[in-house]
């Protein structure tokens, strides 16, 4: 884990390049690795466009809007909004340091997201994925753990062996935003985990197949085998290949949707998901097409009895 150093800002200004690297240094927690990669790619693109020496508060907002739209205007609303959030987060932090009084993205607006009511996989599809014998043990454990806990992929991939409480079928995770929380799994995961661990008592829970070829933080390396922590990118690619294009996030979405359809209470859904607001949870609690079809069939007055 990197160290964030307090920067003195009294009576000083910062260039866009310096301000960008200083902001990225704040994203140093292990669970922020994916955020760091995405933010660094977007922010450094702006540095390349407007110059490392440019004062961040003096970037012309119309020029920034034109460049931003050229870069991300043809993408999905979700990508547009996520990228815009990157620059606004950085600009807020720069303002707190006294480096920028105005947000260069202020001419831009978030885009509306069309509702997606088909994100949840059916129970049959999930069961088929979790019981495939042609999938490696690592993936079987990861996928089942994601579905049974309804945790975020980043939270589960950041787990270390030391975080596990095997007798009680639970683990300590760092949620989005940094809060420490507990996730709990069921019998399927409990039966597979010891086979995956093979007696390991420390290091990342999910490891790559080969030794790391690049230098990584000590916490992301198994000190015995030299293998690295499994990355989200690799884990996602393997799941997409096996599922025909579904994402790891859909396992979480499916778990929460299936729970909601079964009548699980809102407080319990929030505890499983790690959400702190009902509004954030709402998109997961929509009835799936599978459940709607079952509901209609059960109440069809013309069906054969």
C-alpha atoms as a PDB file:
ATOM      1  CA  UNK A   1       0.000   0.000   0.000  1.00  0.00           C
ATOM      2  CA  UNK A   2       1.307   3.426  -0.933  1.00  0.00           C
ATOM      3  CA  UNK A   3       1.756   6.281   1.469  1.00  0.00           C
ATOM      4  CA  UNK A   4      -0.164   9.514   0.990  1.00  0.00           C
ATOM      5  CA  UNK A   5       1.902  12.531   2.046  1.00  0.00           C
ATOM      6  CA  UNK A   6       0.233  15.753   3.133  1.00  0.00           C
ATOM      7  CA  UNK A   7       1.068  18.448   0.622  1.00  0.00           C
ATOM      8  CA  UNK A   8       1.513  22.038   1.720  1.00  0.00           C
ATOM      9  CA  UNK A   9      -0.724  24.304  -0.342  1.00  0.00           C
ATOM     10  CA  UNK A  10      -0.508  27.591   1.524  1.00  0.00           C
ATOM     11  CA  UNK A  11       0.239  30.392  -0.936  1.00  0.00           C
ATOM     12  CA  UNK A  12       1.130  27.972  -3.723  1.00  0.00           C
ATOM     13  CA  UNK A  13      -0.352  26.867  -7.010  1.00  0.00           C
ATOM     14  CA  UNK A  14       0.014  23.592  -8.851  1.00  0.00           C
ATOM     15  CA  UNK A  15       0.275  22.588 -12.476  1.00  0.00           C
ATOM     16  CA  UNK A  16      -2.248  20.184 -13.980  1.00  0.00           C
ATOM     17  CA  UNK A  17       0.374  17.452 -14.102  1.00  0.00           C
ATOM     18  CA  UNK A  18       1.368  17.869 -10.461  1.00  0.00           C
ATOM     19  CA  UNK A  19      -2.238  18.222  -9.300  1.00  0.00           C
ATOM     20  CA  UNK A  20      -3.212  15.065 -11.180  1.00  0.00           C
ATOM     21  CA  UNK A  21      -0.443  12.941  -9.679  1.00  0.00           C
ATOM     22  CA  UNK A  22      -1.137  14.328  -6.194  1.00  0.00           C
ATOM     23  CA  UNK A  23      -4.822  13.442  -6.494  1.00  0.00           C
ATOM     24  CA  UNK A  24      -4.073   9.943  -7.807  1.00  0.00           C
ATOM     25  CA  UNK A  25      -1.796   9.396  -4.803  1.00  0.00           C
ATOM     26  CA  UNK A  26      -4.871   9.610  -2.582  1.00  0.00           C
ATOM     27  CA  UNK A  27      -6.259   6.454  -4.251  1.00  0.00           C
ATOM     28  CA  UNK A  28      -3.737   4.213  -2.564  1.00  0.00           C
ATOM     29  CA  UNK A  29      -5.837   1.645  -0.713  1.00  0.00           C
ATOM     30  CA  UNK A  30      -5.723  -1.900  -2.020  1.00  0.00           C
ATOM     31  CA  UNK A  31      -9.465  -1.902  -2.710  1.00  0.00           C
ATOM     32  CA  UNK A  32      -9.033   1.230  -4.848  1.00  0.00           C
ATOM     33  CA  UNK A  33      -6.748  -0.419  -7.414  1.00  0.00           C
ATOM     34  CA  UNK A  34      -9.429  -0.569 -10.125  1.00  0.00           C
ATOM     35  CA  UNK A  35     -10.497   3.015  -9.402  1.00  0.00           C
ATOM     36  CA  UNK A  36      -6.879   4.156  -9.621  1.00  0.00           C
ATOM     37  CA  UNK A  37      -6.395   2.522 -13.019  1.00  0.00           C
ATOM     38  CA  UNK A  38      -9.579   4.038 -14.468  1.00  0.00           C
ATOM     39  CA  UNK A  39      -9.017   7.497 -12.991  1.00  0.00           C
ATOM     40  CA  UNK A  40      -5.364   7.642 -13.992  1.00  0.00           C
ATOM     41  CA  UNK A  41      -6.167   6.767 -17.603  1.00  0.00           C
ATOM     42  CA  UNK A  42      -8.816   9.520 -17.857  1.00  0.00           C
ATOM     43  CA  UNK A  43      -6.963  12.229 -15.945  1.00  0.00           C
ATOM     44  CA  UNK A  44      -3.655  11.644 -17.710  1.00  0.00           C
ATOM     45  CA  UNK A  45      -5.466  11.926 -21.042  1.00  0.00           C
ATOM     46  CA  UNK A  46      -6.464  15.445 -19.979  1.00  0.00           C
ATOM     47  CA  UNK A  47      -2.866  16.221 -18.991  1.00  0.00           C
ATOM     48  CA  UNK A  48      -1.715  15.104 -22.439  1.00  0.00           C
ATOM     49  CA  UNK A  49      -4.383  17.286 -24.097  1.00  0.00           C
ATOM     50  CA  UNK A  50      -4.056  20.508 -22.087  1.00  0.00           C
ATOM     51  CA  UNK A  51      -0.420  20.274 -21.026  1.00  0.00           C
ATOM     52  CA  UNK A  52       1.205  19.267 -17.769  1.00  0.00           C
ATOM     53  CA  UNK A  53       2.163  22.858 -16.989  1.00  0.00           C
ATOM     54  CA  UNK A  54      -1.357  24.280 -17.361  1.00  0.00           C
ATOM     55  CA  UNK A  55      -2.981  25.541 -14.125  1.00  0.00           C
ATOM     56  CA  UNK A  56      -5.983  23.248 -13.515  1.00  0.00           C
ATOM     57  CA  UNK A  57      -8.231  26.175 -12.593  1.00  0.00           C
ATOM     58  CA  UNK A  58      -7.543  28.028 -15.839  1.00  0.00           C
ATOM     59  CA  UNK A  59      -8.573  25.383 -18.353  1.00  0.00           C
ATOM     60  CA  UNK A  60     -11.220  26.893 -20.638  1.00  0.00           C
ATOM     61  CA  UNK A  61     -14.506  25.088 -19.841  1.00  0.00           C
ATOM     62  CA  UNK A  62     -15.717  25.269 -23.448  1.00  0.00           C
ATOM     63  CA  UNK A  63     -12.483  23.748 -24.728  1.00  0.00           C
ATOM     64  CA  UNK A  64     -12.683  21.070 -22.042  1.00  0.00           C
ATOM     65  CA  UNK A  65     -16.303  20.271 -22.928  1.00  0.00           C
ATOM     66  CA  UNK A  66     -15.442  19.970 -26.628  1.00  0.00           C
ATOM     67  CA  UNK A  67     -12.496  17.663 -25.895  1.00  0.00           C
ATOM     68  CA  UNK A  68     -14.476  15.566 -23.406  1.00  0.00           C
ATOM     69  CA  UNK A  69     -17.352  15.132 -25.856  1.00  0.00           C
ATOM     70  CA  UNK A  70     -14.977  14.121 -28.647  1.00  0.00           C
ATOM     71  CA  UNK A  71     -13.423  11.510 -26.372  1.00  0.00           C
ATOM     72  CA  UNK A  72     -16.503  10.021 -24.682  1.00  0.00           C
ATOM     73  CA  UNK A  73     -19.532  11.441 -26.461  1.00  0.00           C
ATOM     74  CA  UNK A  74     -20.178   8.274 -28.479  1.00  0.00           C
ATOM     75  CA  UNK A  75     -19.953   5.995 -25.445  1.00  0.00           C
ATOM     76  CA  UNK A  76     -22.737   4.746 -23.229  1.00  0.00           C
ATOM     77  CA  UNK A  77     -24.405   7.064 -20.697  1.00  0.00           C
ATOM     78  CA  UNK A  78     -22.816   4.996 -17.915  1.00  0.00           C
ATOM     79  CA  UNK A  79     -19.317   5.547 -19.333  1.00  0.00           C
ATOM     80  CA  UNK A  80     -19.996   9.257 -19.860  1.00  0.00           C
ATOM     81  CA  UNK A  81     -21.217   9.665 -16.269  1.00  0.00           C
ATOM     82  CA  UNK A  82     -18.388   7.642 -14.748  1.00  0.00           C
ATOM     83  CA  UNK A  83     -15.782   9.654 -16.651  1.00  0.00           C
ATOM     84  CA  UNK A  84     -17.416  12.944 -15.720  1.00  0.00           C
ATOM     85  CA  UNK A  85     -17.454  11.848 -12.081  1.00  0.00           C
ATOM     86  CA  UNK A  86     -13.695  11.252 -12.312  1.00  0.00           C
ATOM     87  CA  UNK A  87     -12.960  14.840 -13.300  1.00  0.00           C
ATOM     88  CA  UNK A  88     -15.415  16.300 -10.818  1.00  0.00           C
ATOM     89  CA  UNK A  89     -13.919  14.297  -7.971  1.00  0.00           C
ATOM     90  CA  UNK A  90     -10.433  15.479  -8.916  1.00  0.00           C
ATOM     91  CA  UNK A  91     -11.589  19.096  -9.309  1.00  0.00           C
ATOM     92  CA  UNK A  92     -13.239  19.038  -5.884  1.00  0.00           C
ATOM     93  CA  UNK A  93     -10.024  17.769  -4.314  1.00  0.00           C
ATOM     94  CA  UNK A  94      -7.926  20.350  -6.182  1.00  0.00           C
ATOM     95  CA  UNK A  95     -10.227  23.108  -4.907  1.00  0.00           C
ATOM     96  CA  UNK A  96      -9.743  21.830  -1.353  1.00  0.00           C
ATOM     97  CA  UNK A  97      -5.984  22.215  -1.840  1.00  0.00           C
ATOM     98  CA  UNK A  98      -6.430  25.770  -3.124  1.00  0.00           C
ATOM     99  CA  UNK A  99      -5.199  24.825  -6.584  1.00  0.00           C
ATOM    100  CA  UNK A 100      -8.372  25.324  -8.659  1.00  0.00           C
ATOM    101  CA  UNK A 101     -11.311  27.581  -7.997  1.00  0.00           C
ATOM    102  CA  UNK A 102     -13.410  26.408 -10.939  1.00  0.00           C
ATOM    103  CA  UNK A 103     -14.275  22.951 -12.255  1.00  0.00           C
ATOM    104  CA  UNK A 104     -13.190  22.659 -15.926  1.00  0.00           C
ATOM    105  CA  UNK A 105     -16.074  20.207 -16.510  1.00  0.00           C
ATOM    106  CA  UNK A 106     -18.764  22.656 -15.375  1.00  0.00           C
ATOM    107  CA  UNK A 107     -20.282  22.987 -18.852  1.00  0.00           C
ATOM    108  CA  UNK A 108     -21.046  19.263 -18.968  1.00  0.00           C
ATOM    109  CA  UNK A 109     -24.085  17.431 -17.559  1.00  0.00           C
ATOM    110  CA  UNK A 110     -24.733  13.851 -16.571  1.00  0.00           C
ATOM    111  CA  UNK A 111     -26.706  11.754 -19.033  1.00  0.00           C
ATOM    112  CA  UNK A 112     -29.875   9.850 -18.180  1.00  0.00           C
ATOM    113  CA  UNK A 113     -29.473   6.107 -17.860  1.00  0.00           C
ATOM    114  CA  UNK A 114     -32.171   3.956 -19.464  1.00  0.00           C
ATOM    115  CA  UNK A 115     -33.575   1.421 -16.989  1.00  0.00           C
ATOM    116  CA  UNK A 116     -32.130  -2.060 -17.436  1.00  0.00           C
ATOM    117  CA  UNK A 117     -34.557  -4.690 -16.247  1.00  0.00           C
ATOM    118  CA  UNK A 118     -32.723  -7.715 -17.622  1.00  0.00           C
ATOM    119  CA  UNK A 119     -29.500  -7.654 -15.600  1.00  0.00           C
ATOM    120  CA  UNK A 120     -30.409 -10.543 -13.326  1.00  0.00           C
ATOM    121  CA  UNK A 121     -29.552 -14.024 -14.525  1.00  0.00           C
ATOM    122  CA  UNK A 122     -32.161 -16.699 -13.980  1.00  0.00           C
ATOM    123  CA  UNK A 123     -31.710 -19.121 -11.109  1.00  0.00           C
ATOM    124  CA  UNK A 124     -31.240 -21.904 -13.637  1.00  0.00           C
ATOM    125  CA  UNK A 125     -28.475 -19.985 -15.432  1.00  0.00           C
ATOM    126  CA  UNK A 126     -26.693 -19.234 -12.155  1.00  0.00           C
ATOM    127  CA  UNK A 127     -26.950 -22.855 -11.040  1.00  0.00           C
ATOM    128  CA  UNK A 128     -25.560 -24.055 -14.352  1.00  0.00           C
ATOM    129  CA  UNK A 129     -22.561 -21.724 -14.069  1.00  0.00           C
ATOM    130  CA  UNK A 130     -21.816 -22.586 -10.447  1.00  0.00           C
ATOM    131  CA  UNK A 131     -21.901 -26.343 -11.002  1.00  0.00           C
ATOM    132  CA  UNK A 132     -19.875 -26.645 -14.204  1.00  0.00           C
ATOM    133  CA  UNK A 133     -17.187 -29.298 -13.822  1.00  0.00           C
ATOM    134  CA  UNK A 134     -15.069 -27.952 -16.692  1.00  0.00           C
ATOM    135  CA  UNK A 135     -14.284 -24.745 -14.778  1.00  0.00           C
ATOM    136  CA  UNK A 136     -11.219 -24.414 -12.575  1.00  0.00           C
ATOM    137  CA  UNK A 137     -11.631 -24.637  -8.810  1.00  0.00           C
ATOM    138  CA  UNK A 138     -10.556 -21.009  -8.387  1.00  0.00           C
ATOM    139  CA  UNK A 139     -13.347 -19.732 -10.640  1.00  0.00           C
ATOM    140  CA  UNK A 140     -15.922 -22.030  -9.057  1.00  0.00           C
ATOM    141  CA  UNK A 141     -15.063 -20.658  -5.622  1.00  0.00           C
ATOM    142  CA  UNK A 142     -15.007 -17.035  -6.794  1.00  0.00           C
ATOM    143  CA  UNK A 143     -18.320 -17.214  -8.648  1.00  0.00           C
ATOM    144  CA  UNK A 144     -20.112 -19.055  -5.860  1.00  0.00           C
ATOM    145  CA  UNK A 145     -18.700 -16.687  -3.235  1.00  0.00           C
ATOM    146  CA  UNK A 146     -19.896 -13.672  -5.238  1.00  0.00           C
ATOM    147  CA  UNK A 147     -23.397 -15.092  -5.619  1.00  0.00           C
ATOM    148  CA  UNK A 148     -23.783 -16.376  -2.067  1.00  0.00           C
ATOM    149  CA  UNK A 149     -22.521 -13.169  -0.433  1.00  0.00           C
ATOM    150  CA  UNK A 150     -23.877 -10.657  -3.005  1.00  0.00           C
ATOM    151  CA  UNK A 151     -20.633  -8.738  -2.443  1.00  0.00           C
ATOM    152  CA  UNK A 152     -18.929  -6.574  -5.040  1.00  0.00           C
ATOM    153  CA  UNK A 153     -16.278  -8.232  -7.182  1.00  0.00           C
ATOM    154  CA  UNK A 154     -13.593  -5.792  -6.015  1.00  0.00           C
ATOM    155  CA  UNK A 155     -14.388  -6.556  -2.367  1.00  0.00           C
ATOM    156  CA  UNK A 156     -14.055 -10.308  -2.850  1.00  0.00           C
ATOM    157  CA  UNK A 157     -10.935 -10.144  -5.034  1.00  0.00           C
ATOM    158  CA  UNK A 158      -9.267  -7.974  -2.367  1.00  0.00           C
ATOM    159  CA  UNK A 159      -9.726 -10.667   0.287  1.00  0.00           C
ATOM    160  CA  UNK A 160      -6.673 -12.118   2.005  1.00  0.00           C
ATOM    161  CA  UNK A 161      -6.655 -15.536   3.639  1.00  0.00           C
ATOM    162  CA  UNK A 162      -6.301 -13.786   7.003  1.00  0.00           C
ATOM    163  CA  UNK A 163      -9.658 -12.078   6.434  1.00  0.00           C
ATOM    164  CA  UNK A 164     -11.530 -15.386   6.423  1.00  0.00           C
ATOM    165  CA  UNK A 165     -13.395 -16.829   9.406  1.00  0.00           C
ATOM    166  CA  UNK A 166     -13.926 -20.326   8.041  1.00  0.00           C
ATOM    167  CA  UNK A 167     -15.732 -21.849  11.072  1.00  0.00           C
ATOM    168  CA  UNK A 168     -18.346 -19.081  10.958  1.00  0.00           C
ATOM    169  CA  UNK A 169     -18.496 -18.903   7.154  1.00  0.00           C
ATOM    170  CA  UNK A 170     -17.742 -15.207   6.991  1.00  0.00           C
ATOM    171  CA  UNK A 171     -15.025 -12.706   6.094  1.00  0.00           C
ATOM    172  CA  UNK A 172     -14.129  -9.121   6.762  1.00  0.00           C
ATOM    173  CA  UNK A 173     -14.204  -6.861   3.688  1.00  0.00           C
ATOM    174  CA  UNK A 174     -13.644  -3.207   2.952  1.00  0.00           C
ATOM    175  CA  UNK A 175     -16.743  -1.862   1.255  1.00  0.00           C
ATOM    176  CA  UNK A 176     -16.916   0.793  -1.438  1.00  0.00           C
ATOM    177  CA  UNK A 177     -16.093   4.001   0.368  1.00  0.00           C
ATOM    178  CA  UNK A 178     -13.780   2.303   2.873  1.00  0.00           C
ATOM    179  CA  UNK A 179     -16.175   0.977   5.527  1.00  0.00           C
ATOM    180  CA  UNK A 180     -15.232  -2.355   7.138  1.00  0.00           C
ATOM    181  CA  UNK A 181     -18.046  -4.905   6.931  1.00  0.00           C
ATOM    182  CA  UNK A 182     -18.775  -8.631   7.127  1.00  0.00           C
ATOM    183  CA  UNK A 183     -19.896 -10.912   4.301  1.00  0.00           C
ATOM    184  CA  UNK A 184     -21.344 -14.363   4.975  1.00  0.00           C
ATOM    185  CA  UNK A 185     -21.457 -17.367   2.655  1.00  0.00           C
ATOM    186  CA  UNK A 186     -23.318 -20.659   2.520  1.00  0.00           C
ATOM    187  CA  UNK A 187     -22.550 -24.374   2.360  1.00  0.00           C
ATOM    188  CA  UNK A 188     -21.475 -24.437  -1.291  1.00  0.00           C
ATOM    189  CA  UNK A 189     -18.631 -21.990  -0.708  1.00  0.00           C
ATOM    190  CA  UNK A 190     -17.786 -23.523   2.665  1.00  0.00           C
ATOM    191  CA  UNK A 191     -17.165 -26.909   1.024  1.00  0.00           C
ATOM    192  CA  UNK A 192     -14.931 -25.504  -1.713  1.00  0.00           C
ATOM    193  CA  UNK A 193     -12.780 -22.997   0.187  1.00  0.00           C
ATOM    194  CA  UNK A 194     -10.526 -25.527   1.983  1.00  0.00           C
ATOM    195  CA  UNK A 195      -9.736 -27.150  -1.362  1.00  0.00           C
ATOM    196  CA  UNK A 196      -8.710 -23.781  -2.781  1.00  0.00           C
ATOM    197  CA  UNK A 197      -6.589 -22.828   0.222  1.00  0.00           C
ATOM    198  CA  UNK A 198      -4.625 -26.099   0.435  1.00  0.00           C
ATOM    199  CA  UNK A 199      -3.372 -25.138   3.882  1.00  0.00           C
ATOM    200  CA  UNK A 200      -2.407 -21.546   3.021  1.00  0.00           C
ATOM    201  CA  UNK A 201      -2.733 -19.221   6.009  1.00  0.00           C
ATOM    202  CA  UNK A 202      -1.782 -15.864   4.498  1.00  0.00           C
ATOM    203  CA  UNK A 203      -1.632 -13.874   1.298  1.00  0.00           C
ATOM    204  CA  UNK A 204      -4.286 -13.101  -1.339  1.00  0.00           C
ATOM    205  CA  UNK A 205      -7.203 -15.527  -1.414  1.00  0.00           C
ATOM    206  CA  UNK A 206      -7.456 -15.648  -5.210  1.00  0.00           C
ATOM    207  CA  UNK A 207      -4.136 -16.050  -7.018  1.00  0.00           C
ATOM    208  CA  UNK A 208      -2.953 -16.058 -10.612  1.00  0.00           C
ATOM    209  CA  UNK A 209      -1.887 -19.342 -12.194  1.00  0.00           C
ATOM    210  CA  UNK A 210       1.743 -18.241 -12.633  1.00  0.00           C
ATOM    211  CA  UNK A 211       4.348 -16.315 -10.699  1.00  0.00           C
ATOM    212  CA  UNK A 212       4.150 -12.546 -10.990  1.00  0.00           C
ATOM    213  CA  UNK A 213       6.328 -11.162 -13.799  1.00  0.00           C
ATOM    214  CA  UNK A 214       6.292  -7.551 -12.625  1.00  0.00           C
ATOM    215  CA  UNK A 215       7.015  -5.940  -9.300  1.00  0.00           C
ATOM    216  CA  UNK A 216       3.877  -5.655  -7.163  1.00  0.00           C
ATOM    217  CA  UNK A 217       3.140  -4.496  -3.603  1.00  0.00           C
ATOM    218  CA  UNK A 218       4.033  -7.228  -1.072  1.00  0.00           C
ATOM    219  CA  UNK A 219       0.380  -7.526  -0.067  1.00  0.00           C
ATOM    220  CA  UNK A 220      -0.562  -8.605  -3.597  1.00  0.00           C
ATOM    221  CA  UNK A 221       1.914 -11.484  -3.739  1.00  0.00           C
ATOM    222  CA  UNK A 222       1.776 -14.927  -2.127  1.00  0.00           C
ATOM    223  CA  UNK A 223       5.188 -15.055  -0.471  1.00  0.00           C
ATOM    224  CA  UNK A 224       5.442 -18.854  -0.777  1.00  0.00           C
ATOM    225  CA  UNK A 225       4.497 -19.407  -4.421  1.00  0.00           C
ATOM    226  CA  UNK A 226       5.283 -15.962  -5.821  1.00  0.00           C
ATOM    227  CA  UNK A 227       1.882 -15.829  -7.515  1.00  0.00           C
ATOM    228  CA  UNK A 228      -0.008 -12.533  -7.635  1.00  0.00           C
ATOM    229  CA  UNK A 229      -3.489 -11.519  -6.609  1.00  0.00           C
ATOM    230  CA  UNK A 230      -6.021 -12.295  -9.338  1.00  0.00           C
ATOM    231  CA  UNK A 231      -6.991  -9.072 -11.110  1.00  0.00           C
ATOM    232  CA  UNK A 232     -10.530  -7.949 -11.812  1.00  0.00           C
ATOM    233  CA  UNK A 233      -9.768  -7.710 -15.528  1.00  0.00           C
ATOM    234  CA  UNK A 234      -8.650 -11.337 -15.757  1.00  0.00           C
ATOM    235  CA  UNK A 235     -11.462 -12.621 -13.548  1.00  0.00           C
ATOM    236  CA  UNK A 236     -14.047 -10.723 -15.598  1.00  0.00           C
ATOM    237  CA  UNK A 237     -12.685 -12.036 -18.895  1.00  0.00           C
ATOM    238  CA  UNK A 238     -12.875 -15.643 -17.682  1.00  0.00           C
ATOM    239  CA  UNK A 239     -16.457 -15.226 -16.488  1.00  0.00           C
ATOM    240  CA  UNK A 240     -17.575 -13.546 -19.702  1.00  0.00           C
ATOM    241  CA  UNK A 241     -16.078 -16.387 -21.725  1.00  0.00           C
ATOM    242  CA  UNK A 242     -17.821 -19.054 -19.644  1.00  0.00           C
ATOM    243  CA  UNK A 243     -21.171 -17.255 -19.383  1.00  0.00           C
ATOM    244  CA  UNK A 244     -21.524 -16.086 -22.944  1.00  0.00           C
ATOM    245  CA  UNK A 245     -20.989 -12.427 -22.151  1.00  0.00           C
ATOM    246  CA  UNK A 246     -22.427 -11.908 -18.665  1.00  0.00           C
ATOM    247  CA  UNK A 247     -20.417  -9.906 -16.145  1.00  0.00           C
ATOM    248  CA  UNK A 248     -19.282 -10.680 -12.631  1.00  0.00           C
ATOM    249  CA  UNK A 249     -21.477  -7.833 -11.421  1.00  0.00           C
ATOM    250  CA  UNK A 250     -24.496  -9.757 -12.691  1.00  0.00           C
ATOM    251  CA  UNK A 251     -23.864 -12.429 -10.071  1.00  0.00           C
ATOM    252  CA  UNK A 252     -24.301  -9.778  -7.371  1.00  0.00           C
ATOM    253  CA  UNK A 253     -27.284  -8.306  -9.184  1.00  0.00           C
ATOM    254  CA  UNK A 254     -28.854 -11.743  -9.554  1.00  0.00           C
ATOM    255  CA  UNK A 255     -28.345 -12.668  -5.897  1.00  0.00           C
ATOM    256  CA  UNK A 256     -30.057  -9.506  -4.669  1.00  0.00           C
ATOM    257  CA  UNK A 257     -32.885  -9.804  -7.206  1.00  0.00           C
ATOM    258  CA  UNK A 258     -33.539 -13.428  -6.271  1.00  0.00           C
ATOM    259  CA  UNK A 259     -33.516 -12.514  -2.585  1.00  0.00           C
ATOM    260  CA  UNK A 260     -35.997  -9.694  -3.168  1.00  0.00           C
ATOM    261  CA  UNK A 261     -38.297 -12.002  -5.127  1.00  0.00           C
ATOM    262  CA  UNK A 262     -38.190 -14.462  -2.211  1.00  0.00           C
ATOM    263  CA  UNK A 263     -39.384 -11.763   0.183  1.00  0.00           C
ATOM    264  CA  UNK A 264     -36.103 -10.851   1.888  1.00  0.00           C
ATOM    265  CA  UNK A 265     -36.542  -7.680   3.930  1.00  0.00           C
ATOM    266  CA  UNK A 266     -34.989  -4.383   2.893  1.00  0.00           C
ATOM    267  CA  UNK A 267     -32.663  -4.201   5.952  1.00  0.00           C
ATOM    268  CA  UNK A 268     -31.355  -7.691   5.173  1.00  0.00           C
ATOM    269  CA  UNK A 269     -30.832  -6.822   1.492  1.00  0.00           C
ATOM    270  CA  UNK A 270     -28.887  -3.732   2.546  1.00  0.00           C
ATOM    271  CA  UNK A 271     -26.755  -5.788   4.928  1.00  0.00           C
ATOM    272  CA  UNK A 272     -25.942  -8.274   2.164  1.00  0.00           C
ATOM    273  CA  UNK A 273     -25.239  -5.671  -0.482  1.00  0.00           C
ATOM    274  CA  UNK A 274     -23.362  -3.162   1.660  1.00  0.00           C
ATOM    275  CA  UNK A 275     -25.595  -0.322   0.472  1.00  0.00           C
ATOM    276  CA  UNK A 276     -26.243   2.534   2.857  1.00  0.00           C
ATOM    277  CA  UNK A 277     -29.358   3.892   1.117  1.00  0.00           C
ATOM    278  CA  UNK A 278     -32.558   2.273  -0.068  1.00  0.00           C
ATOM    279  CA  UNK A 279     -32.383   4.304  -3.260  1.00  0.00           C
ATOM    280  CA  UNK A 280     -29.103   2.659  -4.258  1.00  0.00           C
ATOM    281  CA  UNK A 281     -30.581  -0.760  -3.556  1.00  0.00           C
ATOM    282  CA  UNK A 282     -33.755  -0.184  -5.601  1.00  0.00           C
ATOM    283  CA  UNK A 283     -32.295  -1.162  -8.977  1.00  0.00           C
ATOM    284  CA  UNK A 284     -31.441  -4.620  -7.641  1.00  0.00           C
ATOM    285  CA  UNK A 285     -34.868  -5.281  -6.158  1.00  0.00           C
ATOM    286  CA  UNK A 286     -36.830  -5.240  -9.417  1.00  0.00           C
ATOM    287  CA  UNK A 287     -38.735  -8.394 -10.271  1.00  0.00           C
ATOM    288  CA  UNK A 288     -36.997 -10.427 -12.968  1.00  0.00           C
ATOM    289  CA  UNK A 289     -38.659 -11.646 -16.157  1.00  0.00           C
ATOM    290  CA  UNK A 290     -38.372 -15.176 -14.784  1.00  0.00           C
ATOM    291  CA  UNK A 291     -40.338 -14.277 -11.647  1.00  0.00           C
ATOM    292  CA  UNK A 292     -42.916 -12.298 -13.639  1.00  0.00           C
ATOM    293  CA  UNK A 293     -43.504 -15.284 -15.907  1.00  0.00           C
ATOM    294  CA  UNK A 294     -43.900 -17.576 -12.892  1.00  0.00           C
ATOM    295  CA  UNK A 295     -46.321 -15.130 -11.276  1.00  0.00           C
ATOM    296  CA  UNK A 296     -48.488 -14.969 -14.393  1.00  0.00           C
ATOM    297  CA  UNK A 297     -48.499 -18.726 -14.879  1.00  0.00           C
ATOM    298  CA  UNK A 298     -49.568 -19.346 -11.284  1.00  0.00           C
ATOM    299  CA  UNK A 299     -52.489 -16.932 -11.687  1.00  0.00           C
ATOM    300  CA  UNK A 300     -53.575 -17.857 -15.228  1.00  0.00           C
ATOM    301  CA  UNK A 301     -57.290 -18.801 -14.949  1.00  0.00           C
ATOM    302  CA  UNK A 302     -57.214 -20.699 -18.253  1.00  0.00           C
ATOM    303  CA  UNK A 303     -54.253 -22.941 -17.480  1.00  0.00           C
ATOM    304  CA  UNK A 304     -54.809 -26.693 -17.305  1.00  0.00           C
ATOM    305  CA  UNK A 305     -55.101 -28.123 -13.806  1.00  0.00           C
END
